[in-house]
Amino acid sequence: MIRRTEDKVLTATQQATGTNENDLIYSFAKAHVIRASGLIALLMPQTLGVGVAVKTLEGGYLLVNQVMQTFFNKTAEQLNGRTDAELFPAEVAQQLQRSDHKIAAGAATCSDQLNFLHDGKQVECLWFKFPVHGPDGQLLFIGAAMLDTVRVGTIEALQQSLEHLQNTNQELQKSLVDLSQLASTDKLTGAWNRRRLEEALLKEMDRLRRYDHPLSMLILDIDFFKKINDDCGHSAGDQVLVKMAAVLESNLRASDSLTRWGGEEFVVLCPDTTLYTATVLAERLRQSIAKTVFPEVGQVTISLGVAECIKGETWEDWFKRADSALYRAKASGRNQAQIAPESSQAGGAGEDIAANFVRLSWHAAYESGNPVIDEQHRGLFEDANQLLGAVLSKRPHAEVAEMVNTLVRDVVQHFKDEEVIIQAAGYPRTKEHAAIHSRLVDKAVLMVKSFHDGNLTIGELFQFLAHDVVARHMLGADREFFPCLQCNVNPVAMSSAD
């Protein structure tokens, strides 16, 4: 397939310009996004006596310079598509094929000393092989350079040219990465643009279709943004957009992506995420923005629409539902998140019990700096994940109930130990924090009793214990005392907690 494609490229060029070698060279460079300066090494002048060729990955010669044509006593057209097996003795062809395999396996360069009879004459030459990469770093072709081993000075010239080619290709790769980044991001905020979102959507909606992986989306809009522009100027409005994007990005998970959809509207794509989890994320984003101070503007709020993609629906229908939810959030007073219409009745991906749960993953960013608190936080994550595993594997009710009791006991003990530590560290709001603990424990006790009495599903209980009590509290209220702990490591407090 590669050979046929490249034949078409060269044939078209030949028809347009004849068989002029320079035209073929520049056509090849343009077709494969290789700078002409980088091709100097591929087309070294005949005065150097270096034969240079480009081969397809299948082994066929594609482009040859005049020295190579003279050596084989064939024209460029006659050599096109020929393989080493057709041009060399069998043992020499095998040696050259082994070099090709090394380049294909990732070698930067490879060389062979060849001794053979050619047209009745003894030939001693050195063959260099090197990779020719495309703009995405993928190996497209194998380069070959042939020279008489007697001409030592030519070897040095060849090595310098090969180094130049390698440096040029590296610069090209970086330039193409930079260009790709520019083409896929919003210039002002650095968030994705629509083009990049649409590329990601194709993959994620295919995963939903093929593997039933849940997929959700948030559409958010800055409340009263026109008034900000009118009262404070468009420059201030741009600053709000930039900071807004930064705050949103800092509160997203690694798998989420932020896109500036247009104006003051953003889209968050959430792979492997159910409607419930996306709604929790929307509320977290809303609260984070509401707490942020924007210079020259002050407080800013956002409204959000949340929708889980329904298996089989189009992107347009999915977006329309999310947009309807956003409109309802605006109409209901702004500064809130609304769930898309029909989504709860239609049923999204992963309708079994697994779709309602999310495994908790520990990250270094969650650490407070106190070894006791961090160890207990990790332990609570593990308790929650063990409970999740038991539910998903449909363990007996009694076993699940015991894991629920274990998680609650560990939470209560952790709250007690944490209060001792933060008080010893001098945290000024220890009493308020203890009051939050008390309210969470009281609600947990009531919910666990309802679960044991059969009046509450394990899904509802798990979401409260794992996400509200463990994850949400730890990533919210707990983070307020982290700076105090990091400045005051108190061994006495730690031993008291033990």
Protein backbone atom coordinates (compact mmCIF):
# COMPACT_ATOMS: atom_id res chain seq x y z
CA MET A 1 0.00 0.00 0.00
CA ILE A 2 2.80 2.44 0.84
CA ARG A 3 4.60 1.64 -2.41
CA ARG A 4 1.52 2.22 -4.55
CA THR A 5 0.82 5.52 -2.80
CA GLU A 6 4.36 6.79 -3.26
CA ASP A 7 4.41 5.65 -6.90
CA LYS A 8 1.37 7.86 -7.48
CA VAL A 9 3.12 10.82 -5.84
CA LEU A 10 6.23 10.44 -7.97
CA THR A 11 4.33 9.64 -11.17
CA ALA A 12 2.18 12.73 -10.79
CA THR A 13 5.29 14.83 -10.25
CA GLN A 14 7.03 13.33 -13.24
CA GLN A 15 4.06 14.05 -15.48
CA ALA A 16 3.97 17.66 -14.34
CA THR A 17 7.69 18.43 -14.36
CA GLY A 18 9.47 15.63 -16.16
CA THR A 19 12.10 13.53 -14.42
CA ASN A 20 14.19 16.42 -13.11
CA GLU A 21 15.91 15.11 -9.98
CA ASN A 22 15.49 18.32 -7.98
CA ASP A 23 11.78 18.40 -8.71
CA LEU A 24 11.44 14.82 -7.49
CA ILE A 25 13.36 15.71 -4.36
CA TYR A 26 11.21 18.70 -3.45
CA SER A 27 8.03 16.83 -4.31
CA PHE A 28 9.05 14.07 -1.93
CA ALA A 29 9.88 16.58 0.79
CA LYS A 30 6.53 18.32 0.42
CA ALA A 31 4.52 15.09 0.32
CA HIS A 32 6.04 13.87 3.59
CA VAL A 33 6.41 17.18 5.43
CA ILE A 34 10.21 16.94 5.45
CA ARG A 35 12.12 20.20 5.13
CA ALA A 36 14.23 20.54 2.00
CA SER A 37 17.26 21.40 4.16
CA GLY A 38 16.86 18.06 5.88
CA LEU A 39 16.95 16.29 2.53
CA ILE A 40 20.41 17.59 1.69
CA ALA A 41 21.83 14.46 3.29
CA LEU A 42 19.47 12.31 1.22
CA LEU A 43 20.54 13.90 -2.08
CA MET A 44 24.20 14.61 -1.59
CA PRO A 45 25.85 16.03 -4.70
CA GLN A 46 27.49 13.64 -7.12
CA THR A 47 30.86 15.25 -6.41
CA LEU A 48 30.87 13.55 -3.01
CA GLY A 49 30.47 10.17 -4.65
CA VAL A 50 27.81 9.11 -2.17
CA GLY A 51 24.91 7.06 -3.42
CA VAL A 52 21.71 7.81 -1.51
CA ALA A 53 18.30 6.14 -1.63
CA VAL A 54 14.99 6.04 0.18
CA LYS A 55 13.28 2.66 0.61
CA THR A 56 9.75 1.76 1.63
CA LEU A 57 9.27 -0.34 4.75
CA GLU A 58 8.55 -3.27 2.43
CA GLY A 59 12.07 -2.94 1.01
CA GLY A 60 11.38 -1.37 -2.38
CA TYR A 61 13.59 1.50 -3.59
CA LEU A 62 11.52 4.64 -3.93
CA LEU A 63 13.92 7.56 -4.50
CA VAL A 64 17.58 7.35 -5.62
CA ASN A 65 20.18 9.95 -6.47
CA GLN A 66 22.40 10.02 -9.57
CA VAL A 67 25.34 8.21 -7.91
CA MET A 68 23.10 5.29 -7.01
CA GLN A 69 21.69 5.20 -10.53
CA THR A 70 25.22 5.09 -11.98
CA PHE A 71 26.28 2.33 -9.62
CA PHE A 72 23.39 0.07 -10.68
CA ASN A 73 23.51 1.33 -14.28
CA LYS A 74 19.75 1.93 -14.14
CA THR A 75 17.49 4.98 -14.27
CA ALA A 76 15.44 6.15 -11.32
CA GLU A 77 12.32 4.72 -12.97
CA GLN A 78 13.99 1.34 -13.48
CA LEU A 79 15.03 1.20 -9.82
CA ASN A 80 11.63 2.25 -8.50
CA GLY A 81 10.09 -0.63 -6.56
CA ARG A 82 13.12 -2.91 -6.90
CA THR A 83 14.31 -4.74 -3.77
CA ASP A 84 17.80 -5.71 -2.60
CA ALA A 85 17.05 -9.31 -3.56
CA GLU A 86 16.63 -8.16 -7.15
CA LEU A 87 19.80 -6.04 -7.20
CA PHE A 88 22.42 -7.87 -5.12
CA PRO A 89 23.79 -11.40 -4.67
CA ALA A 90 21.68 -13.42 -2.22
CA GLU A 91 24.11 -13.21 0.73
CA VAL A 92 24.53 -9.43 0.32
CA ALA A 93 20.75 -8.92 0.03
CA GLN A 94 20.24 -10.87 3.25
CA GLN A 95 22.83 -8.73 5.04
CA LEU A 96 21.12 -5.53 3.88
CA GLN A 97 17.70 -6.87 4.86
CA ARG A 98 18.96 -7.52 8.39
CA SER A 99 19.99 -3.86 8.59
CA ASP A 100 16.52 -2.81 7.44
CA HIS A 101 15.00 -4.89 10.22
CA LYS A 102 17.22 -3.17 12.81
CA ILE A 103 16.10 0.27 11.62
CA ALA A 104 12.47 -0.86 11.66
CA ALA A 105 13.02 -2.10 15.24
CA GLY A 106 14.14 1.37 16.34
CA ALA A 107 17.89 1.60 15.67
CA ALA A 108 19.11 5.17 15.03
CA THR A 109 21.70 4.07 12.44
CA CYS A 110 23.14 0.88 11.05
CA SER A 111 26.13 0.18 8.79
CA ASP A 112 27.37 -2.76 6.69
CA GLN A 113 30.73 -3.38 5.05
CA LEU A 114 29.99 -5.06 1.71
CA ASN A 115 32.33 -7.04 -0.53
CA PHE A 116 30.86 -8.56 -3.68
CA LEU A 117 31.14 -8.88 -7.41
CA HIS A 118 29.11 -6.41 -9.45
CA ASP A 119 29.19 -6.55 -13.25
CA GLY A 120 32.34 -8.66 -12.99
CA LYS A 121 34.14 -6.15 -10.76
CA GLN A 122 35.04 -6.50 -7.08
CA VAL A 123 33.19 -3.89 -5.06
CA GLU A 124 34.07 -2.80 -1.52
CA CYS A 125 31.66 -0.28 -0.08
CA LEU A 126 30.07 0.88 3.13
CA TRP A 127 26.27 1.12 3.46
CA PHE A 128 24.63 3.32 6.08
CA LYS A 129 20.97 2.92 7.03
CA PHE A 130 18.95 5.51 8.95
CA PRO A 131 15.24 6.08 9.71
CA VAL A 132 13.10 8.70 7.97
CA HIS A 133 10.26 9.68 10.29
CA GLY A 134 6.98 11.40 9.56
CA PRO A 135 5.55 14.42 11.45
CA ASP A 136 4.02 12.17 14.11
CA GLY A 137 7.32 10.39 14.78
CA GLN A 138 6.22 7.25 12.98
CA LEU A 139 8.78 5.49 10.77
CA LEU A 140 7.82 6.11 7.14
CA PHE A 141 10.90 5.07 5.16
CA ILE A 142 14.41 3.66 5.48
CA GLY A 143 17.25 5.81 4.18
CA ALA A 144 20.35 4.22 2.65
CA ALA A 145 23.71 5.78 1.81
CA MET A 146 26.48 3.97 -0.10
CA LEU A 147 30.11 5.04 -0.47
CA ASP A 148 33.48 3.71 -1.47
CA THR A 149 35.40 2.80 1.71
CA VAL A 150 38.63 4.10 0.16
CA ARG A 151 37.28 7.66 0.26
CA VAL A 152 37.69 8.37 3.97
CA GLY A 153 36.88 12.06 3.66
CA THR A 154 33.49 11.18 2.20
CA ILE A 155 32.63 9.17 5.31
CA GLU A 156 33.14 12.24 7.49
CA ALA A 157 30.96 14.30 5.14
CA LEU A 158 28.27 11.63 5.26
CA GLN A 159 28.33 11.46 9.06
CA GLN A 160 27.96 15.24 9.29
CA SER A 161 25.07 15.19 6.85
CA LEU A 162 23.34 12.41 8.76
CA GLU A 163 23.70 14.36 12.00
CA HIS A 164 22.23 17.40 10.25
CA LEU A 165 19.32 15.29 9.04
CA GLN A 166 18.66 13.96 12.52
CA ASN A 167 18.74 17.45 14.08
CA THR A 168 16.48 18.82 11.35
CA ASN A 169 13.95 16.03 11.86
CA GLN A 170 13.96 16.63 15.62
CA GLU A 171 13.31 20.33 15.06
CA LEU A 172 10.54 19.45 12.64
CA GLN A 173 8.92 17.09 15.13
CA LYS A 174 8.90 19.84 17.77
CA SER A 175 7.50 22.37 15.32
CA LEU A 176 4.71 20.02 14.32
CA VAL A 177 3.85 19.32 17.97
CA ASP A 178 3.70 23.07 18.62
CA LEU A 179 1.53 23.60 15.56
CA SER A 180 -0.79 20.78 16.60
CA GLN A 181 -1.08 22.31 20.06
CA LEU A 182 -1.94 25.70 18.59
CA ALA A 183 -4.46 24.17 16.23
CA SER A 184 -6.30 22.34 19.01
CA THR A 185 -6.41 24.92 21.81
CA ASP A 186 -8.18 28.20 22.45
CA LYS A 187 -5.68 31.04 22.11
CA LEU A 188 -6.98 33.06 25.08
CA THR A 189 -7.60 30.42 27.75
CA GLY A 190 -5.44 27.49 26.67
CA ALA A 191 -8.47 25.17 26.91
CA TRP A 192 -9.36 22.84 24.05
CA ASN A 193 -11.17 24.33 21.08
CA ARG A 194 -14.14 22.78 19.26
CA ARG A 195 -11.94 20.93 16.80
CA ARG A 196 -10.09 19.09 19.59
CA LEU A 197 -13.32 18.30 21.42
CA GLU A 198 -14.90 16.82 18.32
CA GLU A 199 -11.87 14.55 17.83
CA ALA A 200 -12.13 13.28 21.41
CA LEU A 201 -15.89 12.84 21.15
CA LEU A 202 -15.57 10.40 18.28
CA LYS A 203 -13.37 8.11 20.37
CA GLU A 204 -15.38 8.36 23.58
CA MET A 205 -18.77 7.83 21.94
CA ASP A 206 -17.33 4.79 20.17
CA ARG A 207 -16.19 3.41 23.54
CA LEU A 208 -19.71 3.97 24.86
CA ARG A 209 -21.20 2.14 21.88
CA ARG A 210 -18.77 -0.78 21.93
CA TYR A 211 -17.99 -1.31 25.62
CA ASP A 212 -20.88 0.40 27.45
CA HIS A 213 -18.51 2.84 29.16
CA PRO A 214 -20.55 5.71 30.66
CA LEU A 215 -19.89 9.18 29.24
CA SER A 216 -21.12 12.51 30.55
CA MET A 217 -20.84 16.19 29.71
CA LEU A 218 -21.18 19.52 31.47
CA ILE A 219 -22.01 22.77 29.71
CA LEU A 220 -21.34 25.84 31.81
CA ASP A 221 -21.88 29.52 31.22
CA ILE A 222 -20.65 32.55 33.16
CA ASP A 223 -23.56 34.39 34.71
CA PHE A 224 -24.06 38.02 33.63
CA PHE A 225 -20.88 38.01 31.55
CA LYS A 226 -22.19 40.74 29.25
CA LYS A 227 -22.53 43.02 32.26
CA ILE A 228 -18.90 42.33 33.17
CA ASN A 229 -17.80 43.41 29.70
CA ASP A 230 -20.07 46.46 29.73
CA ASP A 231 -19.13 47.65 33.23
CA CYS A 232 -15.45 46.67 33.42
CA GLY A 233 -14.36 46.44 29.79
CA HIS A 234 -13.49 43.58 27.49
CA SER A 235 -9.96 43.36 28.84
CA ALA A 236 -11.35 42.56 32.30
CA GLY A 237 -13.73 40.08 30.68
CA ASP A 238 -10.78 38.32 29.03
CA GLN A 239 -9.00 38.12 32.39
CA VAL A 240 -12.11 36.50 33.88
CA LEU A 241 -12.14 33.91 31.09
CA VAL A 242 -8.46 33.10 31.60
CA LYS A 243 -8.78 32.69 35.36
CA MET A 244 -12.06 30.82 34.97
CA ALA A 245 -10.37 28.25 32.74
CA ALA A 246 -7.49 27.87 35.21
CA VAL A 247 -9.81 27.30 38.20
CA LEU A 248 -11.94 24.83 36.28
CA GLU A 249 -8.88 22.89 35.07
CA SER A 250 -7.51 22.65 38.61
CA ASN A 251 -10.74 21.02 39.80
CA LEU A 252 -11.08 18.47 37.01
CA ARG A 253 -9.90 14.88 37.10
CA ALA A 254 -7.06 13.72 34.88
CA SER A 255 -9.50 12.05 32.49
CA ASP A 256 -11.72 15.14 32.10
CA SER A 257 -11.16 17.79 29.45
CA LEU A 258 -12.14 21.45 29.28
CA THR A 259 -13.19 23.12 26.02
CA ARG A 260 -13.98 26.76 25.40
CA TRP A 261 -17.13 26.36 23.32
CA GLY A 262 -17.46 30.03 22.49
CA GLY A 263 -17.71 33.39 24.25
CA GLU A 264 -18.23 32.69 27.94
CA GLU A 265 -19.40 29.09 27.47
CA PHE A 266 -17.31 26.02 28.29
CA VAL A 267 -17.83 22.27 27.87
CA VAL A 268 -16.39 19.58 30.16
CA LEU A 269 -16.15 16.08 28.68
CA CYS A 270 -16.17 13.36 31.34
CA PRO A 271 -15.25 9.84 30.12
CA ASP A 272 -16.18 6.82 32.25
CA THR A 273 -18.54 9.02 34.26
CA THR A 274 -22.17 8.46 35.17
CA LEU A 275 -24.80 11.16 35.57
CA TYR A 276 -24.53 11.09 39.36
CA THR A 277 -20.76 11.57 39.39
CA ALA A 278 -20.93 14.28 36.73
CA THR A 279 -23.50 16.10 38.87
CA VAL A 280 -21.19 15.94 41.88
CA LEU A 281 -18.38 17.31 39.71
CA ALA A 282 -20.63 20.12 38.45
CA GLU A 283 -21.43 21.16 42.00
CA ARG A 284 -17.74 21.12 42.91
CA LEU A 285 -16.93 23.37 39.97
CA ARG A 286 -19.78 25.72 40.84
CA GLN A 287 -18.61 26.08 44.42
CA SER A 288 -14.96 26.56 43.41
CA ILE A 289 -15.84 29.41 41.06
CA ALA A 290 -18.15 31.03 43.62
CA LYS A 291 -15.27 31.10 46.14
CA THR A 292 -12.77 32.56 43.67
CA VAL A 293 -11.98 36.28 43.69
CA PHE A 294 -11.54 37.70 40.19
CA PRO A 295 -9.41 40.90 40.08
CA GLU A 296 -11.29 44.03 38.96
CA VAL A 297 -14.56 42.06 39.01
CA GLY A 298 -14.92 40.38 42.39
CA GLN A 299 -17.25 37.42 42.66
CA VAL A 300 -18.40 35.51 39.59
CA THR A 301 -20.86 32.62 39.37
CA ILE A 302 -21.60 29.98 36.77
CA SER A 303 -24.63 27.96 35.71
CA LEU A 304 -24.27 24.39 34.49
CA GLY A 305 -26.19 21.75 32.54
CA VAL A 306 -25.33 18.07 33.06
CA ALA A 307 -26.12 15.21 30.69
CA GLU A 308 -25.05 11.59 30.42
CA CYS A 309 -24.86 10.31 26.85
CA ILE A 310 -27.57 7.79 26.05
CA LYS A 311 -26.37 4.84 24.07
CA GLY A 312 -27.37 5.32 20.45
CA GLU A 313 -28.08 9.05 20.55
CA THR A 314 -26.20 11.50 18.36
CA TRP A 315 -23.77 14.14 19.56
CA GLU A 316 -26.24 16.82 18.51
CA ASP A 317 -29.07 15.32 20.59
CA TRP A 318 -26.80 14.82 23.59
CA PHE A 319 -25.54 18.40 23.40
CA LYS A 320 -29.08 19.70 22.99
CA ARG A 321 -30.18 17.97 26.21
CA ALA A 322 -27.22 19.38 28.14
CA ASP A 323 -27.89 22.83 26.70
CA SER A 324 -31.55 22.58 27.78
CA ALA A 325 -30.40 21.81 31.31
CA LEU A 326 -28.11 24.85 31.22
CA TYR A 327 -31.01 27.02 30.04
CA ARG A 328 -33.14 25.74 32.92
CA ALA A 329 -30.34 26.57 35.39
CA LYS A 330 -30.26 30.12 34.02
CA ALA A 331 -34.03 30.47 34.13
CA SER A 332 -34.19 29.14 37.70
CA GLY A 333 -31.97 31.87 39.12
CA ARG A 334 -28.43 31.02 37.91
CA ASN A 335 -25.48 29.86 40.06
CA GLN A 336 -26.69 26.26 40.01
CA ALA A 337 -26.44 22.97 38.12
CA GLN A 338 -29.40 21.24 36.46
CA ILE A 339 -29.66 17.71 35.09
CA ALA A 340 -30.63 17.22 31.46
CA PRO A 341 -34.27 16.34 30.72
CA GLU A 342 -35.15 12.70 29.92
CA SER A 343 -31.72 11.49 31.04
CA SER A 344 -33.00 9.91 34.24
CA GLN A 345 -35.84 8.11 32.44
CA ALA A 346 -33.91 7.06 29.32
CA GLY A 347 -31.10 5.38 31.19
CA GLY A 348 -27.46 5.93 30.31
CA ALA A 349 -24.59 3.53 29.87
CA GLY A 350 -23.84 0.84 32.42
CA GLU A 351 -27.34 0.60 33.86
CA ASP A 352 -26.35 -2.08 36.34
CA ILE A 353 -25.26 -1.20 39.86
CA ALA A 354 -21.66 -0.63 38.76
CA ALA A 355 -22.68 2.47 36.83
CA ASN A 356 -23.67 4.25 40.04
CA PHE A 357 -20.31 3.79 41.76
CA VAL A 358 -16.86 5.26 41.23
CA ARG A 359 -13.68 3.78 42.66
CA LEU A 360 -11.68 6.19 44.83
CA SER A 361 -8.08 6.70 43.72
CA TRP A 362 -5.43 8.14 46.05
CA HIS A 363 -3.16 10.90 44.77
CA ALA A 364 -0.13 12.55 46.35
CA ALA A 365 -1.95 15.89 46.11
CA TYR A 366 -4.36 14.65 48.80
CA GLU A 367 -1.63 14.43 51.45
CA SER A 368 -1.90 16.82 54.38
CA GLY A 369 1.69 16.54 55.56
CA ASN A 370 0.72 14.71 58.75
CA PRO A 371 1.59 10.98 58.53
CA VAL A 372 -1.24 9.83 60.83
CA ILE A 373 -3.98 11.73 58.99
CA ASP A 374 -2.62 10.70 55.60
CA GLU A 375 -2.43 7.05 56.59
CA GLN A 376 -6.00 7.13 57.88
CA HIS A 377 -7.24 8.91 54.75
CA ARG A 378 -5.66 6.21 52.60
CA GLY A 379 -7.23 3.60 54.86
CA LEU A 380 -10.69 5.13 54.37
CA PHE A 381 -10.17 5.08 50.62
CA GLU A 382 -9.32 1.39 50.88
CA ASP A 383 -12.37 0.69 53.07
CA ALA A 384 -14.60 2.38 50.49
CA ASN A 385 -13.04 0.48 47.60
CA GLN A 386 -13.36 -2.85 49.41
CA LEU A 387 -17.03 -2.11 49.98
CA LEU A 388 -17.39 -1.23 46.30
CA GLY A 389 -15.73 -4.50 45.31
CA ALA A 390 -18.07 -6.49 47.55
CA VAL A 391 -21.13 -4.80 46.08
CA LEU A 392 -20.03 -5.24 42.48
CA SER A 393 -19.18 -8.91 43.04
CA LYS A 394 -22.61 -9.39 44.69
CA ARG A 395 -21.29 -10.66 48.01
CA PRO A 396 -23.87 -11.77 50.62
CA HIS A 397 -25.83 -9.00 52.32
CA ALA A 398 -24.35 -9.84 55.73
CA GLU A 399 -20.81 -9.47 54.38
CA VAL A 400 -21.62 -6.13 52.75
CA ALA A 401 -23.30 -4.94 55.94
CA GLU A 402 -20.18 -5.77 57.97
CA MET A 403 -18.02 -3.75 55.55
CA VAL A 404 -20.44 -0.84 55.95
CA ASN A 405 -20.04 -1.06 59.72
CA THR A 406 -16.23 -1.20 59.38
CA LEU A 407 -16.17 1.89 57.19
CA VAL A 408 -18.36 3.84 59.63
CA ARG A 409 -16.24 2.76 62.64
CA ASP A 410 -13.05 3.85 60.85
CA VAL A 411 -14.62 7.18 59.92
CA VAL A 412 -15.66 7.87 63.53
CA GLN A 413 -12.21 6.95 64.85
CA HIS A 414 -10.50 9.06 62.20
CA PHE A 415 -12.62 12.09 63.05
CA LYS A 416 -11.64 11.78 66.73
CA ASP A 417 -7.93 11.42 65.94
CA GLU A 418 -8.01 14.25 63.43
CA GLU A 419 -9.58 16.66 65.93
CA VAL A 420 -6.80 15.92 68.44
CA ILE A 421 -4.09 16.53 65.85
CA ILE A 422 -5.44 19.78 64.40
CA GLN A 423 -6.10 21.21 67.86
CA ALA A 424 -2.51 20.44 68.89
CA ALA A 425 -1.30 22.05 65.66
CA GLY A 426 -3.08 25.28 66.59
CA TYR A 427 -5.78 25.20 63.92
CA PRO A 428 -8.08 28.10 64.96
CA ARG A 429 -11.30 26.55 63.60
CA THR A 430 -11.01 23.15 65.29
CA LYS A 431 -14.43 23.48 66.99
CA GLU A 432 -16.18 24.31 63.73
CA HIS A 433 -14.47 21.38 62.05
CA ALA A 434 -15.51 19.06 64.87
CA ALA A 435 -19.10 20.24 64.42
CA ILE A 436 -18.94 19.20 60.74
CA HIS A 437 -17.70 15.78 61.87
CA SER A 438 -20.57 15.48 64.32
CA ARG A 439 -23.21 16.24 61.67
CA LEU A 440 -21.69 13.73 59.24
CA VAL A 441 -21.55 11.01 61.90
CA ASP A 442 -25.16 11.61 62.94
CA LYS A 443 -26.35 11.36 59.34
CA ALA A 444 -24.20 8.27 58.75
CA VAL A 445 -25.72 6.51 61.76
CA LEU A 446 -29.26 7.23 60.54
CA MET A 447 -28.49 6.10 56.99
CA VAL A 448 -26.81 2.89 58.13
CA LYS A 449 -29.85 2.10 60.29
CA SER A 450 -32.14 2.72 57.30
CA PHE A 451 -29.95 0.42 55.21
CA HIS A 452 -30.10 -2.38 57.80
CA ASP A 453 -33.87 -1.92 58.06
CA GLY A 454 -34.19 -2.29 54.29
CA ASN A 455 -35.33 1.29 53.69
CA LEU A 456 -32.17 2.48 51.92
CA THR A 457 -30.32 1.01 48.93
CA ILE A 458 -26.65 0.17 49.09
CA GLY A 459 -26.12 2.58 46.22
CA GLU A 460 -27.47 5.55 48.18
CA LEU A 461 -25.49 4.56 51.27
CA PHE A 462 -22.27 4.02 49.35
CA GLN A 463 -22.48 7.40 47.64
CA PHE A 464 -22.92 9.13 50.97
CA LEU A 465 -20.19 7.24 52.84
CA ALA A 466 -17.60 7.06 50.06
CA HIS A 467 -18.12 10.38 48.34
CA ASP A 468 -19.72 12.79 50.84
CA VAL A 469 -18.02 11.59 54.03
CA VAL A 470 -14.68 10.35 52.67
CA ALA A 471 -13.77 12.00 49.38
CA ARG A 472 -15.79 15.22 49.41
CA HIS A 473 -15.10 16.08 53.05
CA MET A 474 -11.41 15.24 52.77
CA LEU A 475 -10.95 17.29 49.59
CA GLY A 476 -13.08 20.12 50.91
CA ALA A 477 -13.24 20.99 54.59
CA ASP A 478 -10.08 19.05 55.49
CA ARG A 479 -7.90 21.00 53.08
CA GLU A 480 -8.50 24.18 55.08
CA PHE A 481 -6.29 22.92 57.91
CA PHE A 482 -3.54 21.43 55.69
CA PRO A 483 -1.33 24.57 55.81
CA CYS A 484 -1.47 24.54 59.59
CA LEU A 485 -0.31 20.91 59.72
CA GLN A 486 2.49 21.46 57.24
CA CYS A 487 3.90 24.21 59.45
CA ASN A 488 3.43 22.32 62.73
CA VAL A 489 4.50 18.69 62.84
CA ASN A 490 3.69 17.70 66.43
CA PRO A 491 4.93 14.28 67.61
CA VAL A 492 2.90 14.56 70.81
CA ALA A 493 -0.31 15.02 68.85
CA MET A 494 0.53 12.05 66.69
CA SER A 495 1.17 9.81 69.67
CA SER A 496 -2.09 10.99 71.25
CA ALA A 497 -3.94 10.03 68.09
CA ASP A 498 -2.46 6.57 68.20
